[in-house]
Every structure is written in C-alpha cells, then in structure tokens.
Amino acid sequence: MLFSPSKFSSILHKVGKSITLFLNDFIAMLLPFLIDKQTFFIS
C-alpha cells in the first residue's frame, strides 16, 4: 500500500481545510456582488 490510512486521512483533512478556506474567501468576495444584484432586482 502506498498510503497508510492515517497519512491519507491527514492529507484529506489538509485538502478539505484549504478548500473550505478557499470557498470562504470566494463567497466573501462574491457576496457584495450578489447583494448588489438582489437589491437591484428588488428595486
């Protein structure tokens, strides 16, 4: 076996963490645009 299960899970955890951080930044970046569009459509 190339990966031991504990090593694999720790790699998976790191990847998941970085993806979560990236998504948080991405959403934080997009949120103002989405809010602007919503208020634009409402008014």
N, C-alpha and C. Protein backbone atom coordinates (compact mmCIF):
# COMPACT_ATOMS: atom_id res chain seq x y z
N MET A 1 0.84 -1.19 0.00
CA MET A 1 0.00 0.00 0.00
C MET A 1 0.88 1.25 0.00
N LEU A 2 0.57 2.18 -0.85
CA LEU A 2 1.37 3.39 -0.94
C LEU A 2 1.09 4.32 0.24
N PHE A 3 -0.19 4.51 0.53
CA PHE A 3 -0.59 5.39 1.64
C PHE A 3 -1.02 4.55 2.83
N SER A 4 -0.57 4.95 4.00
CA SER A 4 -1.18 4.38 5.20
C SER A 4 -2.47 5.16 5.47
N PRO A 5 -3.49 4.53 6.03
CA PRO A 5 -4.79 5.20 6.21
C PRO A 5 -4.69 6.51 6.97
N SER A 6 -3.84 6.54 8.01
CA SER A 6 -3.74 7.77 8.81
C SER A 6 -3.12 8.90 7.99
N LYS A 7 -2.12 8.56 7.18
CA LYS A 7 -1.48 9.55 6.32
C LYS A 7 -2.50 10.09 5.31
N PHE A 8 -3.27 9.17 4.73
CA PHE A 8 -4.26 9.55 3.73
C PHE A 8 -5.31 10.46 4.32
N SER A 9 -5.78 10.13 5.53
CA SER A 9 -6.82 10.94 6.15
C SER A 9 -6.29 12.32 6.52
N SER A 10 -5.02 12.40 6.91
CA SER A 10 -4.44 13.70 7.25
C SER A 10 -4.29 14.56 6.00
N ILE A 11 -3.91 13.93 4.89
CA ILE A 11 -3.83 14.65 3.61
C ILE A 11 -5.21 15.14 3.20
N LEU A 12 -6.20 14.24 3.35
CA LEU A 12 -7.58 14.59 3.02
C LEU A 12 -8.04 15.76 3.88
N HIS A 13 -7.66 15.73 5.16
CA HIS A 13 -8.05 16.79 6.09
C HIS A 13 -7.45 18.13 5.67
N LYS A 14 -6.16 18.11 5.28
CA LYS A 14 -5.49 19.33 4.84
C LYS A 14 -6.15 19.89 3.59
N VAL A 15 -6.44 18.99 2.63
CA VAL A 15 -7.06 19.42 1.38
C VAL A 15 -8.45 20.00 1.66
N GLY A 16 -9.21 19.32 2.50
CA GLY A 16 -10.54 19.80 2.86
C GLY A 16 -10.48 21.17 3.52
N LYS A 17 -9.48 21.34 4.39
CA LYS A 17 -9.32 22.61 5.09
C LYS A 17 -9.03 23.74 4.11
N SER A 18 -8.10 23.50 3.17
CA SER A 18 -7.73 24.54 2.21
C SER A 18 -8.89 24.85 1.27
N ILE A 19 -9.66 23.80 0.90
CA ILE A 19 -10.83 24.03 0.04
C ILE A 19 -11.86 24.88 0.78
N THR A 20 -12.06 24.58 2.07
CA THR A 20 -13.01 25.35 2.87
C THR A 20 -12.57 26.81 2.96
N LEU A 21 -11.28 27.03 3.20
CA LEU A 21 -10.75 28.39 3.28
C LEU A 21 -10.93 29.10 1.95
N PHE A 22 -10.65 28.40 0.85
CA PHE A 22 -10.80 28.99 -0.47
C PHE A 22 -12.25 29.37 -0.74
N LEU A 23 -13.17 28.46 -0.39
CA LEU A 23 -14.59 28.73 -0.59
C LEU A 23 -15.04 29.92 0.24
N ASN A 24 -14.54 30.01 1.49
CA ASN A 24 -14.90 31.14 2.34
C ASN A 24 -14.46 32.45 1.70
N ASP A 25 -13.22 32.49 1.21
CA ASP A 25 -12.71 33.70 0.54
C ASP A 25 -13.53 34.01 -0.70
N PHE A 26 -13.85 32.96 -1.47
CA PHE A 26 -14.59 33.11 -2.71
C PHE A 26 -15.97 33.69 -2.45
N ILE A 27 -16.66 33.12 -1.45
CA ILE A 27 -18.01 33.58 -1.10
C ILE A 27 -17.94 35.01 -0.57
N ALA A 28 -16.94 35.29 0.27
CA ALA A 28 -16.79 36.63 0.83
C ALA A 28 -16.55 37.64 -0.29
N MET A 29 -15.87 37.20 -1.35
CA MET A 29 -15.60 38.07 -2.49
C MET A 29 -16.88 38.29 -3.31
N LEU A 30 -17.64 37.21 -3.50
CA LEU A 30 -18.84 37.28 -4.35
C LEU A 30 -20.04 37.91 -3.66
N LEU A 31 -20.09 37.80 -2.33
CA LEU A 31 -21.27 38.24 -1.59
C LEU A 31 -21.71 39.67 -1.89
N PRO A 32 -20.79 40.64 -1.90
CA PRO A 32 -21.23 42.02 -2.21
C PRO A 32 -21.89 42.12 -3.58
N PHE A 33 -21.37 41.42 -4.58
CA PHE A 33 -21.96 41.45 -5.92
C PHE A 33 -23.37 40.86 -5.88
N LEU A 34 -23.53 39.74 -5.19
CA LEU A 34 -24.84 39.10 -5.09
C LEU A 34 -25.83 40.01 -4.39
N ILE A 35 -25.39 40.65 -3.32
CA ILE A 35 -26.27 41.56 -2.58
C ILE A 35 -26.65 42.74 -3.46
N ASP A 36 -25.69 43.29 -4.20
CA ASP A 36 -25.97 44.39 -5.12
C ASP A 36 -27.02 43.99 -6.15
N LYS A 37 -26.84 42.80 -6.72
CA LYS A 37 -27.78 42.31 -7.73
C LYS A 37 -29.17 42.14 -7.14
N GLN A 38 -29.25 41.57 -5.93
CA GLN A 38 -30.54 41.35 -5.28
C GLN A 38 -31.26 42.67 -5.05
N THR A 39 -30.56 43.63 -4.49
CA THR A 39 -31.19 44.92 -4.22
C THR A 39 -31.59 45.60 -5.54
N PHE A 40 -30.77 45.37 -6.58
CA PHE A 40 -31.07 45.94 -7.88
C PHE A 40 -32.36 45.34 -8.44
N PHE A 41 -32.49 44.01 -8.30
CA PHE A 41 -33.68 43.33 -8.81
C PHE A 41 -34.92 43.70 -7.99
N ILE A 42 -34.74 43.88 -6.68
CA ILE A 42 -35.89 44.21 -5.83
C ILE A 42 -36.41 45.60 -6.17
N SER A 43 -35.49 46.55 -6.35
CA SER A 43 -35.91 47.93 -6.58
C SER A 43 -36.14 48.24 -8.05
